[in-house]
Amino acid sequence: MLILLMDVLVDVMPVTVGARVRLEGCGSVAARAPQRGPAPIPWSVPIEIRRAPVADCDPVLLYRLLRLRVQVFVVEQGAAYDELDGRDIEPGAELMWVDEDGEPLATLRLLRESAADGSPVLRIGRVATSAAARGRGVASDLMRAAVARCEELAPGAPILLGAQAHLADWYARFGFAVAGDPYTEDDIPHLPMARSGG
């Protein structure tokens, strides 16, 4: 479904948190694994997962998405690095997000890359969730939608990400496995992870 959001045409996928999602041409996205810790706070209404390239985002929306990323990665995690790395405006890059009353709760970006042989590879990155939304299942639903979007864009292509090491088990819930040696980025231990296509 397409809607006009703040004068921007974006794709919207209505999703009930924890529900199975079926996207046309993508098959079914697996239901959320059992939660660890306290149960997520239930939503009173279904959430909508939105996506758009940066060029199609309203400036206020883009500001809010980037502010969330800076809040999580630079402020909370104390990593002074170049958050605006130029990759958001690469051809084919898309931002995905969930918001509530215009404030982003979670966001991520999808990048299209090529393997050494020229075959397509997709990358999920900059996965950030606001403190207020943590534990509600928002990021899980957003990740499932991102995997489905990658499968839609390049069926069978591998999906890569650089996970903060303490989140490796969380990413494993979406089919990702460690795919290389640990590394440190901005004083935070990371693991390269991949999800096989198909």
N, C-alpha and C. Protein backbone atom coordinates (compact mmCIF):
# COMPACT_ATOMS: atom_id res chain seq x y z
N MET A 1 0.85 -1.16 0.00
CA MET A 1 0.00 0.00 0.00
C MET A 1 0.90 1.22 0.00
N LEU A 2 0.57 2.21 -0.77
CA LEU A 2 1.32 3.46 -0.80
C LEU A 2 0.49 4.53 -0.10
N ILE A 3 1.13 5.35 0.71
CA ILE A 3 0.43 6.46 1.34
C ILE A 3 1.28 7.71 1.21
N LEU A 4 0.65 8.82 1.37
CA LEU A 4 1.36 10.10 1.36
C LEU A 4 1.64 10.45 2.81
N LEU A 5 2.92 10.55 3.16
CA LEU A 5 3.33 10.85 4.52
C LEU A 5 4.16 12.10 4.48
N MET A 6 3.66 13.15 5.08
CA MET A 6 4.41 14.41 5.14
C MET A 6 4.88 14.79 3.74
N ASP A 7 3.97 14.70 2.77
CA ASP A 7 4.25 15.04 1.38
C ASP A 7 5.27 14.12 0.73
N VAL A 8 5.42 12.89 1.25
CA VAL A 8 6.35 11.92 0.68
C VAL A 8 5.56 10.64 0.42
N LEU A 9 5.69 10.08 -0.75
CA LEU A 9 5.05 8.84 -1.08
C LEU A 9 5.94 7.71 -0.59
N VAL A 10 5.44 6.92 0.35
CA VAL A 10 6.23 5.82 0.89
C VAL A 10 5.39 4.56 0.88
N ASP A 11 6.09 3.41 0.81
CA ASP A 11 5.42 2.13 0.96
C ASP A 11 5.14 1.90 2.42
N VAL A 12 3.97 1.38 2.73
CA VAL A 12 3.61 1.07 4.10
C VAL A 12 3.16 -0.37 4.17
N MET A 13 3.69 -1.08 5.15
CA MET A 13 3.29 -2.45 5.37
C MET A 13 2.66 -2.52 6.74
N PRO A 14 1.31 -2.64 6.83
CA PRO A 14 0.71 -2.74 8.16
C PRO A 14 1.11 -4.08 8.79
N VAL A 15 1.52 -4.04 10.04
CA VAL A 15 1.98 -5.23 10.72
C VAL A 15 1.45 -5.21 12.14
N THR A 16 0.95 -6.33 12.61
CA THR A 16 0.62 -6.46 14.01
C THR A 16 1.83 -7.08 14.66
N VAL A 17 2.33 -6.48 15.72
CA VAL A 17 3.54 -6.96 16.36
C VAL A 17 3.36 -8.42 16.74
N GLY A 18 4.35 -9.24 16.34
CA GLY A 18 4.34 -10.65 16.66
C GLY A 18 3.57 -11.50 15.66
N ALA A 19 2.89 -10.88 14.70
CA ALA A 19 2.12 -11.63 13.73
C ALA A 19 3.01 -12.11 12.60
N ARG A 20 2.53 -13.12 11.86
CA ARG A 20 3.23 -13.54 10.66
C ARG A 20 2.93 -12.51 9.59
N VAL A 21 3.90 -12.21 8.79
CA VAL A 21 3.76 -11.20 7.75
C VAL A 21 3.91 -11.88 6.41
N ARG A 22 2.99 -11.63 5.51
CA ARG A 22 3.10 -12.17 4.17
C ARG A 22 3.20 -10.99 3.21
N LEU A 23 4.33 -10.88 2.53
CA LEU A 23 4.55 -9.82 1.57
C LEU A 23 4.48 -10.43 0.18
N GLU A 24 3.79 -9.78 -0.71
CA GLU A 24 3.62 -10.30 -2.05
C GLU A 24 4.98 -10.63 -2.67
N GLY A 25 5.10 -11.87 -3.15
CA GLY A 25 6.32 -12.29 -3.81
C GLY A 25 7.44 -12.65 -2.87
N CYS A 26 7.21 -12.56 -1.55
CA CYS A 26 8.30 -12.81 -0.60
C CYS A 26 8.06 -14.00 0.29
N GLY A 27 6.89 -14.62 0.20
CA GLY A 27 6.61 -15.71 1.12
C GLY A 27 6.26 -15.17 2.49
N SER A 28 6.32 -16.04 3.46
CA SER A 28 5.94 -15.67 4.82
C SER A 28 7.18 -15.39 5.64
N VAL A 29 7.13 -14.35 6.42
CA VAL A 29 8.23 -14.01 7.31
C VAL A 29 7.94 -14.71 8.63
N ALA A 30 8.92 -15.39 9.17
CA ALA A 30 8.73 -16.19 10.38
C ALA A 30 8.22 -15.37 11.55
N ALA A 31 7.39 -16.00 12.35
CA ALA A 31 6.87 -15.34 13.54
C ALA A 31 7.99 -15.13 14.55
N ARG A 32 7.83 -14.19 15.42
CA ARG A 32 8.84 -13.85 16.41
C ARG A 32 9.09 -15.04 17.33
N ALA A 33 10.35 -15.26 17.64
CA ALA A 33 10.73 -16.29 18.60
C ALA A 33 10.27 -15.86 19.99
N PRO A 34 10.15 -16.80 20.92
CA PRO A 34 9.73 -16.41 22.27
C PRO A 34 10.64 -15.33 22.84
N GLN A 35 10.05 -14.40 23.54
CA GLN A 35 10.79 -13.29 24.14
C GLN A 35 11.53 -13.75 25.38
N ARG A 36 12.72 -13.19 25.60
CA ARG A 36 13.42 -13.39 26.85
C ARG A 36 13.14 -12.18 27.71
N GLY A 37 13.07 -12.38 28.99
CA GLY A 37 12.83 -11.25 29.88
C GLY A 37 11.36 -10.89 29.92
N PRO A 38 11.06 -9.67 30.33
CA PRO A 38 9.66 -9.27 30.47
C PRO A 38 8.94 -9.24 29.13
N ALA A 39 7.65 -9.51 29.17
CA ALA A 39 6.85 -9.48 27.95
C ALA A 39 6.83 -8.08 27.38
N PRO A 40 6.82 -7.97 26.04
CA PRO A 40 6.77 -6.64 25.45
C PRO A 40 5.46 -5.93 25.77
N ILE A 41 5.52 -4.63 25.80
CA ILE A 41 4.32 -3.83 26.02
C ILE A 41 3.46 -3.95 24.77
N PRO A 42 2.20 -4.37 24.90
CA PRO A 42 1.38 -4.55 23.70
C PRO A 42 1.04 -3.22 23.04
N TRP A 43 0.90 -3.28 21.73
CA TRP A 43 0.48 -2.11 20.96
C TRP A 43 -1.02 -2.02 21.02
N SER A 44 -1.54 -0.82 21.04
CA SER A 44 -2.98 -0.65 21.01
C SER A 44 -3.49 -0.66 19.58
N VAL A 45 -2.62 -0.40 18.63
CA VAL A 45 -2.98 -0.42 17.21
C VAL A 45 -1.85 -1.12 16.46
N PRO A 46 -2.15 -1.69 15.29
CA PRO A 46 -1.07 -2.30 14.51
C PRO A 46 -0.05 -1.24 14.11
N ILE A 47 1.22 -1.66 14.05
CA ILE A 47 2.26 -0.75 13.61
C ILE A 47 2.35 -0.79 12.09
N GLU A 48 2.96 0.22 11.52
CA GLU A 48 3.20 0.26 10.09
C GLU A 48 4.69 0.42 9.86
N ILE A 49 5.21 -0.47 9.04
CA ILE A 49 6.62 -0.40 8.68
C ILE A 49 6.69 0.38 7.38
N ARG A 50 7.51 1.40 7.38
CA ARG A 50 7.61 2.30 6.23
C ARG A 50 9.00 2.18 5.64
N ARG A 51 9.11 2.53 4.36
CA ARG A 51 10.42 2.54 3.71
C ARG A 51 10.42 3.55 2.59
N ALA A 52 11.60 4.12 2.36
CA ALA A 52 11.77 5.09 1.28
C ALA A 52 13.26 5.36 1.11
N PRO A 53 13.68 5.70 -0.11
CA PRO A 53 15.05 6.20 -0.27
C PRO A 53 15.16 7.59 0.37
N VAL A 54 16.36 7.97 0.75
CA VAL A 54 16.58 9.26 1.40
C VAL A 54 16.01 10.41 0.57
N ALA A 55 16.20 10.36 -0.73
CA ALA A 55 15.74 11.45 -1.60
C ALA A 55 14.24 11.65 -1.54
N ASP A 56 13.49 10.63 -1.14
CA ASP A 56 12.04 10.74 -1.07
C ASP A 56 11.53 11.08 0.32
N CYS A 57 12.43 11.22 1.28
CA CYS A 57 12.02 11.52 2.66
C CYS A 57 11.85 13.02 2.85
N ASP A 58 10.79 13.39 3.53
CA ASP A 58 10.59 14.77 3.95
C ASP A 58 11.77 15.15 4.85
N PRO A 59 12.26 16.38 4.75
CA PRO A 59 13.42 16.77 5.57
C PRO A 59 13.21 16.58 7.07
N VAL A 60 12.01 16.82 7.57
CA VAL A 60 11.76 16.65 9.00
C VAL A 60 11.82 15.17 9.38
N LEU A 61 11.24 14.32 8.56
CA LEU A 61 11.31 12.88 8.79
C LEU A 61 12.75 12.40 8.76
N LEU A 62 13.50 12.80 7.74
CA LEU A 62 14.89 12.40 7.62
C LEU A 62 15.69 12.86 8.84
N TYR A 63 15.48 14.08 9.27
CA TYR A 63 16.15 14.60 10.46
C TYR A 63 15.85 13.70 11.66
N ARG A 64 14.59 13.33 11.85
CA ARG A 64 14.21 12.51 13.01
C ARG A 64 14.84 11.11 12.93
N LEU A 65 14.89 10.53 11.75
CA LEU A 65 15.52 9.21 11.60
C LEU A 65 17.01 9.27 11.92
N LEU A 66 17.68 10.28 11.38
CA LEU A 66 19.12 10.41 11.62
C LEU A 66 19.40 10.79 13.08
N ARG A 67 18.52 11.59 13.67
CA ARG A 67 18.68 11.95 15.08
C ARG A 67 18.59 10.70 15.96
N LEU A 68 17.67 9.77 15.63
CA LEU A 68 17.56 8.54 16.39
C LEU A 68 18.86 7.74 16.29
N ARG A 69 19.40 7.63 15.09
CA ARG A 69 20.66 6.90 14.93
C ARG A 69 21.79 7.55 15.74
N VAL A 70 21.89 8.86 15.68
CA VAL A 70 22.93 9.55 16.45
C VAL A 70 22.70 9.35 17.94
N GLN A 71 21.45 9.44 18.39
CA GLN A 71 21.14 9.24 19.80
C GLN A 71 21.61 7.87 20.28
N VAL A 72 21.35 6.83 19.50
CA VAL A 72 21.71 5.48 19.90
C VAL A 72 23.21 5.24 19.76
N PHE A 73 23.76 5.48 18.58
CA PHE A 73 25.14 5.08 18.30
C PHE A 73 26.18 6.05 18.85
N VAL A 74 25.92 7.34 18.77
CA VAL A 74 26.93 8.31 19.18
C VAL A 74 26.76 8.70 20.65
N VAL A 75 25.54 9.04 21.05
CA VAL A 75 25.31 9.51 22.42
C VAL A 75 25.28 8.35 23.42
N GLU A 76 24.34 7.41 23.25
CA GLU A 76 24.21 6.31 24.21
C GLU A 76 25.46 5.44 24.27
N GLN A 77 25.99 5.10 23.10
CA GLN A 77 27.12 4.17 23.06
C GLN A 77 28.47 4.87 23.10
N GLY A 78 28.45 6.18 23.11
CA GLY A 78 29.68 6.94 23.24
C GLY A 78 30.67 6.71 22.12
N ALA A 79 30.17 6.45 20.94
CA ALA A 79 31.04 6.18 19.79
C ALA A 79 31.06 7.42 18.89
N ALA A 80 32.09 8.20 19.01
CA ALA A 80 32.22 9.40 18.19
C ALA A 80 32.77 8.98 16.82
N TYR A 81 31.88 8.78 15.88
CA TYR A 81 32.28 8.35 14.55
C TYR A 81 31.41 9.05 13.51
N ASP A 82 31.74 8.84 12.27
CA ASP A 82 31.06 9.51 11.16
C ASP A 82 29.75 8.79 10.84
N GLU A 83 28.70 9.08 11.61
CA GLU A 83 27.40 8.45 11.40
C GLU A 83 26.87 8.72 9.99
N LEU A 84 27.04 9.92 9.51
CA LEU A 84 26.60 10.27 8.15
C LEU A 84 27.75 9.92 7.21
N ASP A 85 27.79 8.66 6.81
CA ASP A 85 28.93 8.11 6.08
C ASP A 85 28.78 8.15 4.56
N GLY A 86 27.70 8.74 4.06
CA GLY A 86 27.50 8.83 2.62
C GLY A 86 26.79 7.63 2.01
N ARG A 87 26.63 6.57 2.76
CA ARG A 87 26.02 5.37 2.20
C ARG A 87 24.50 5.48 2.09
N ASP A 88 23.89 6.35 2.88
CA ASP A 88 22.42 6.50 2.82
C ASP A 88 21.96 7.01 1.46
N ILE A 89 22.84 7.68 0.73
CA ILE A 89 22.44 8.26 -0.56
C ILE A 89 22.99 7.47 -1.75
N GLU A 90 23.53 6.29 -1.49
CA GLU A 90 23.98 5.45 -2.59
C GLU A 90 22.77 4.98 -3.41
N PRO A 91 22.97 4.71 -4.70
CA PRO A 91 21.87 4.19 -5.51
C PRO A 91 21.30 2.91 -4.90
N GLY A 92 19.99 2.85 -4.78
CA GLY A 92 19.32 1.67 -4.26
C GLY A 92 19.20 1.61 -2.76
N ALA A 93 19.84 2.51 -2.03
CA ALA A 93 19.75 2.50 -0.56
C ALA A 93 18.34 2.88 -0.13
N GLU A 94 17.85 2.22 0.89
CA GLU A 94 16.53 2.52 1.44
C GLU A 94 16.60 2.61 2.95
N LEU A 95 15.82 3.50 3.51
CA LEU A 95 15.63 3.55 4.95
C LEU A 95 14.30 2.87 5.25
N MET A 96 14.26 2.15 6.35
CA MET A 96 13.01 1.56 6.83
C MET A 96 12.83 2.03 8.26
N TRP A 97 11.58 2.20 8.68
CA TRP A 97 11.34 2.70 10.02
C TRP A 97 9.93 2.40 10.48
N VAL A 98 9.75 2.51 11.79
CA VAL A 98 8.45 2.46 12.45
C VAL A 98 8.37 3.73 13.27
N ASP A 99 7.24 4.41 13.18
CA ASP A 99 7.09 5.61 14.01
C ASP A 99 5.78 5.55 14.77
N GLU A 100 5.69 6.42 15.75
CA GLU A 100 4.49 6.56 16.55
C GLU A 100 4.27 8.05 16.74
N ASP A 101 3.16 8.55 16.25
CA ASP A 101 2.85 9.98 16.33
C ASP A 101 3.97 10.82 15.71
N GLY A 102 4.57 10.34 14.63
CA GLY A 102 5.59 11.09 13.91
C GLY A 102 7.00 10.94 14.45
N GLU A 103 7.17 10.28 15.59
CA GLU A 103 8.51 10.07 16.16
C GLU A 103 8.97 8.66 15.84
N PRO A 104 10.12 8.51 15.21
CA PRO A 104 10.62 7.17 14.91
C PRO A 104 10.89 6.37 16.19
N LEU A 105 10.43 5.11 16.17
CA LEU A 105 10.70 4.19 17.27
C LEU A 105 11.90 3.31 16.94
N ALA A 106 12.04 2.97 15.67
CA ALA A 106 13.15 2.13 15.22
C ALA A 106 13.40 2.41 13.75
N THR A 107 14.64 2.23 13.35
CA THR A 107 15.01 2.47 11.95
C THR A 107 16.16 1.55 11.57
N LEU A 108 16.34 1.37 10.29
CA LEU A 108 17.48 0.65 9.74
C LEU A 108 17.64 1.09 8.30
N ARG A 109 18.75 0.68 7.69
CA ARG A 109 18.92 0.98 6.28
C ARG A 109 19.32 -0.29 5.54
N LEU A 110 18.91 -0.32 4.28
CA LEU A 110 19.27 -1.41 3.37
C LEU A 110 20.20 -0.86 2.31
N LEU A 111 21.27 -1.59 2.05
CA LEU A 111 22.21 -1.21 1.00
C LEU A 111 22.32 -2.34 0.00
N ARG A 112 22.50 -1.97 -1.26
CA ARG A 112 22.73 -2.95 -2.31
C ARG A 112 24.22 -2.92 -2.66
N GLU A 113 24.85 -4.08 -2.60
CA GLU A 113 26.26 -4.21 -2.89
C GLU A 113 26.45 -5.31 -3.91
N SER A 114 27.67 -5.52 -4.32
CA SER A 114 28.00 -6.59 -5.25
C SER A 114 29.13 -7.43 -4.68
N ALA A 115 29.03 -8.74 -4.86
CA ALA A 115 30.11 -9.65 -4.49
C ALA A 115 31.22 -9.51 -5.52
N ALA A 116 32.36 -10.14 -5.25
CA ALA A 116 33.51 -10.08 -6.16
C ALA A 116 33.15 -10.56 -7.56
N ASP A 117 32.22 -11.50 -7.66
CA ASP A 117 31.82 -12.02 -8.98
C ASP A 117 30.71 -11.20 -9.63
N GLY A 118 30.32 -10.10 -8.98
CA GLY A 118 29.30 -9.22 -9.53
C GLY A 118 27.88 -9.58 -9.12
N SER A 119 27.71 -10.68 -8.41
CA SER A 119 26.37 -11.08 -7.98
C SER A 119 25.88 -10.15 -6.86
N PRO A 120 24.56 -10.00 -6.74
CA PRO A 120 24.03 -9.06 -5.74
C PRO A 120 24.21 -9.55 -4.31
N VAL A 121 24.48 -8.61 -3.44
CA VAL A 121 24.56 -8.82 -2.00
C VAL A 121 23.81 -7.66 -1.37
N LEU A 122 23.04 -7.94 -0.35
CA LEU A 122 22.34 -6.88 0.36
C LEU A 122 22.91 -6.75 1.76
N ARG A 123 22.84 -5.56 2.30
CA ARG A 123 23.39 -5.30 3.64
C ARG A 123 22.35 -4.54 4.46
N ILE A 124 22.10 -5.05 5.66
CA ILE A 124 21.25 -4.36 6.63
C ILE A 124 22.18 -3.70 7.64
N GLY A 125 21.93 -2.44 7.93
CA GLY A 125 22.77 -1.75 8.89
C GLY A 125 22.04 -0.63 9.58
N ARG A 126 22.76 0.01 10.48
CA ARG A 126 22.24 1.15 11.24
C ARG A 126 20.90 0.82 11.90
N VAL A 127 20.81 -0.39 12.47
CA VAL A 127 19.59 -0.81 13.17
C VAL A 127 19.59 -0.11 14.52
N ALA A 128 18.63 0.78 14.73
CA ALA A 128 18.56 1.57 15.97
C ALA A 128 17.12 1.61 16.47
N THR A 129 16.99 1.44 17.78
CA THR A 129 15.67 1.48 18.42
C THR A 129 15.71 2.50 19.55
N SER A 130 14.70 3.34 19.61
CA SER A 130 14.65 4.33 20.69
C SER A 130 14.48 3.63 22.02
N ALA A 131 14.99 4.25 23.06
CA ALA A 131 14.89 3.67 24.40
C ALA A 131 13.44 3.39 24.78
N ALA A 132 12.53 4.27 24.36
CA ALA A 132 11.11 4.12 24.70
C ALA A 132 10.47 2.91 24.03
N ALA A 133 11.04 2.43 22.93
CA ALA A 133 10.44 1.33 22.19
C ALA A 133 11.08 -0.03 22.48
N ARG A 134 12.15 -0.05 23.21
CA ARG A 134 12.84 -1.31 23.46
C ARG A 134 11.97 -2.24 24.31
N GLY A 135 11.98 -3.51 23.94
CA GLY A 135 11.18 -4.50 24.63
C GLY A 135 9.76 -4.63 24.11
N ARG A 136 9.42 -3.88 23.10
CA ARG A 136 8.06 -3.91 22.55
C ARG A 136 7.97 -4.76 21.28
N GLY A 137 9.08 -5.29 20.80
CA GLY A 137 9.06 -6.11 19.59
C GLY A 137 9.14 -5.32 18.30
N VAL A 138 9.31 -4.02 18.41
CA VAL A 138 9.34 -3.15 17.23
C VAL A 138 10.52 -3.48 16.33
N ALA A 139 11.72 -3.57 16.91
CA ALA A 139 12.91 -3.85 16.11
C ALA A 139 12.85 -5.23 15.48
N SER A 140 12.27 -6.19 16.18
CA SER A 140 12.13 -7.54 15.62
C SER A 140 11.24 -7.53 14.38
N ASP A 141 10.12 -6.85 14.48
CA ASP A 141 9.23 -6.76 13.32
C ASP A 141 9.89 -6.01 12.18
N LEU A 142 10.65 -4.97 12.51
CA LEU A 142 11.35 -4.22 11.48
C LEU A 142 12.41 -5.09 10.80
N MET A 143 13.15 -5.89 11.57
CA MET A 143 14.15 -6.78 11.00
C MET A 143 13.51 -7.82 10.09
N ARG A 144 12.39 -8.42 10.52
CA ARG A 144 11.70 -9.39 9.66
C ARG A 144 11.29 -8.75 8.34
N ALA A 145 10.78 -7.53 8.42
CA ALA A 145 10.38 -6.82 7.21
C ALA A 145 11.59 -6.50 6.33
N ALA A 146 12.72 -6.17 6.95
CA ALA A 146 13.93 -5.87 6.18
C ALA A 146 14.44 -7.12 5.46
N VAL A 147 14.42 -8.26 6.13
CA VAL A 147 14.83 -9.51 5.48
C VAL A 147 13.89 -9.81 4.31
N ALA A 148 12.60 -9.63 4.52
CA ALA A 148 11.63 -9.86 3.44
C ALA A 148 11.88 -8.90 2.27
N ARG A 149 12.19 -7.65 2.57
CA ARG A 149 12.47 -6.67 1.52
C ARG A 149 13.72 -7.07 0.74
N CYS A 150 14.75 -7.53 1.44
CA CYS A 150 15.97 -8.00 0.76
C CYS A 150 15.65 -9.17 -0.16
N GLU A 151 14.83 -10.10 0.31
CA GLU A 151 14.45 -11.24 -0.52
C GLU A 151 13.64 -10.80 -1.74
N GLU A 152 12.86 -9.75 -1.56
CA GLU A 152 12.09 -9.19 -2.67
C GLU A 152 13.02 -8.53 -3.69
N LEU A 153 14.01 -7.78 -3.22
CA LEU A 153 14.92 -7.05 -4.10
C LEU A 153 15.84 -7.97 -4.88
N ALA A 154 16.35 -9.01 -4.23
CA ALA A 154 17.32 -9.91 -4.85
C ALA A 154 17.11 -11.32 -4.30
N PRO A 155 16.10 -12.02 -4.83
CA PRO A 155 15.81 -13.37 -4.31
C PRO A 155 17.05 -14.26 -4.36
N GLY A 156 17.31 -14.90 -3.24
CA GLY A 156 18.44 -15.82 -3.17
C GLY A 156 19.78 -15.18 -2.85
N ALA A 157 19.84 -13.86 -2.84
CA ALA A 157 21.12 -13.17 -2.55
C ALA A 157 21.42 -13.22 -1.06
N PRO A 158 22.69 -13.31 -0.71
CA PRO A 158 23.04 -13.26 0.71
C PRO A 158 22.77 -11.87 1.29
N ILE A 159 22.49 -11.86 2.59
CA ILE A 159 22.26 -10.61 3.31
C ILE A 159 23.34 -10.53 4.39
N LEU A 160 24.04 -9.43 4.44
CA LEU A 160 25.15 -9.24 5.38
C LEU A 160 24.82 -8.18 6.41
N LEU A 161 25.49 -8.24 7.55
CA LEU A 161 25.43 -7.16 8.53
C LEU A 161 26.63 -7.26 9.44
N GLY A 162 26.97 -6.15 10.06
CA GLY A 162 28.01 -6.10 11.07
C GLY A 162 27.34 -5.92 12.41
N ALA A 163 27.28 -6.99 13.20
CA ALA A 163 26.53 -6.97 14.46
C ALA A 163 27.42 -6.59 15.63
N GLN A 164 26.92 -5.76 16.50
CA GLN A 164 27.60 -5.61 17.78
C GLN A 164 27.54 -6.98 18.44
N ALA A 165 28.67 -7.44 18.96
CA ALA A 165 28.80 -8.82 19.43
C ALA A 165 27.71 -9.22 20.43
N HIS A 166 27.31 -8.32 21.31
CA HIS A 166 26.30 -8.68 22.30
C HIS A 166 24.92 -8.89 21.69
N LEU A 167 24.74 -8.53 20.42
CA LEU A 167 23.46 -8.71 19.74
C LEU A 167 23.47 -9.88 18.75
N ALA A 168 24.55 -10.66 18.71
CA ALA A 168 24.65 -11.76 17.75
C ALA A 168 23.50 -12.76 17.90
N ASP A 169 23.13 -13.11 19.12
CA ASP A 169 22.02 -14.05 19.32
C ASP A 169 20.71 -13.47 18.83
N TRP A 170 20.53 -12.18 19.01
CA TRP A 170 19.30 -11.53 18.53
C TRP A 170 19.22 -11.62 17.01
N TYR A 171 20.32 -11.31 16.31
CA TYR A 171 20.33 -11.41 14.85
C TYR A 171 20.18 -12.85 14.39
N ALA A 172 20.66 -13.81 15.17
CA ALA A 172 20.52 -15.23 14.81
C ALA A 172 19.05 -15.63 14.72
N ARG A 173 18.20 -14.97 15.48
CA ARG A 173 16.75 -15.26 15.41
C ARG A 173 16.18 -15.01 14.02
N PHE A 174 16.87 -14.21 13.21
CA PHE A 174 16.39 -13.88 11.87
C PHE A 174 17.17 -14.64 10.80
N GLY A 175 17.90 -15.67 11.20
CA GLY A 175 18.61 -16.51 10.26
C GLY A 175 20.05 -16.11 9.98
N PHE A 176 20.60 -15.16 10.72
CA PHE A 176 21.98 -14.74 10.52
C PHE A 176 22.93 -15.61 11.33
N ALA A 177 24.09 -15.88 10.76
CA ALA A 177 25.13 -16.65 11.43
C ALA A 177 26.45 -15.89 11.33
N VAL A 178 27.31 -16.11 12.30
CA VAL A 178 28.63 -15.48 12.27
C VAL A 178 29.36 -15.94 11.02
N ALA A 179 29.96 -14.98 10.30
CA ALA A 179 30.57 -15.27 9.00
C ALA A 179 31.99 -14.74 8.91
N GLY A 180 32.71 -14.73 10.02
CA GLY A 180 34.08 -14.23 9.99
C GLY A 180 34.59 -13.97 11.39
N ASP A 181 35.77 -13.40 11.44
CA ASP A 181 36.43 -13.13 12.71
C ASP A 181 35.87 -11.89 13.38
N PRO A 182 35.87 -11.88 14.72
CA PRO A 182 35.44 -10.68 15.45
C PRO A 182 36.34 -9.50 15.11
N TYR A 183 35.80 -8.31 15.21
CA TYR A 183 36.57 -7.09 15.00
C TYR A 183 36.03 -6.02 15.94
N THR A 184 36.79 -4.98 16.13
CA THR A 184 36.37 -3.88 16.99
C THR A 184 36.17 -2.64 16.12
N GLU A 185 35.04 -2.01 16.33
CA GLU A 185 34.72 -0.77 15.62
C GLU A 185 34.28 0.24 16.66
N ASP A 186 34.97 1.36 16.73
CA ASP A 186 34.65 2.40 17.71
C ASP A 186 34.63 1.85 19.13
N ASP A 187 35.61 1.02 19.44
CA ASP A 187 35.76 0.40 20.77
C ASP A 187 34.61 -0.52 21.15
N ILE A 188 33.82 -0.98 20.17
CA ILE A 188 32.71 -1.89 20.43
C ILE A 188 32.98 -3.18 19.66
N PRO A 189 33.01 -4.33 20.36
CA PRO A 189 33.23 -5.62 19.66
C PRO A 189 32.09 -5.90 18.66
N HIS A 190 32.45 -6.31 17.45
CA HIS A 190 31.51 -6.63 16.39
C HIS A 190 31.79 -8.00 15.82
N LEU A 191 30.78 -8.55 15.14
CA LEU A 191 30.92 -9.81 14.41
C LEU A 191 30.32 -9.64 13.03
N PRO A 192 31.00 -10.08 11.99
CA PRO A 192 30.38 -10.10 10.67
C PRO A 192 29.37 -11.25 10.65
N MET A 193 28.19 -10.97 10.16
CA MET A 193 27.14 -12.01 10.10
C MET A 193 26.54 -12.03 8.70
N ALA A 194 26.03 -13.21 8.32
CA ALA A 194 25.43 -13.35 7.00
C ALA A 194 24.21 -14.26 7.10
N ARG A 195 23.29 -14.03 6.22
CA ARG A 195 22.10 -14.88 6.08
C ARG A 195 22.11 -15.37 4.64
N SER A 196 22.15 -16.67 4.48
CA SER A 196 22.18 -17.24 3.13
C SER A 196 20.90 -16.92 2.39
N GLY A 197 21.04 -16.69 1.11
CA GLY A 197 19.87 -16.43 0.29
C GLY A 197 19.03 -17.66 0.12
N GLY A 198 17.75 -17.43 -0.20
CA GLY A 198 16.85 -18.55 -0.46
C GLY A 198 16.12 -18.89 0.74
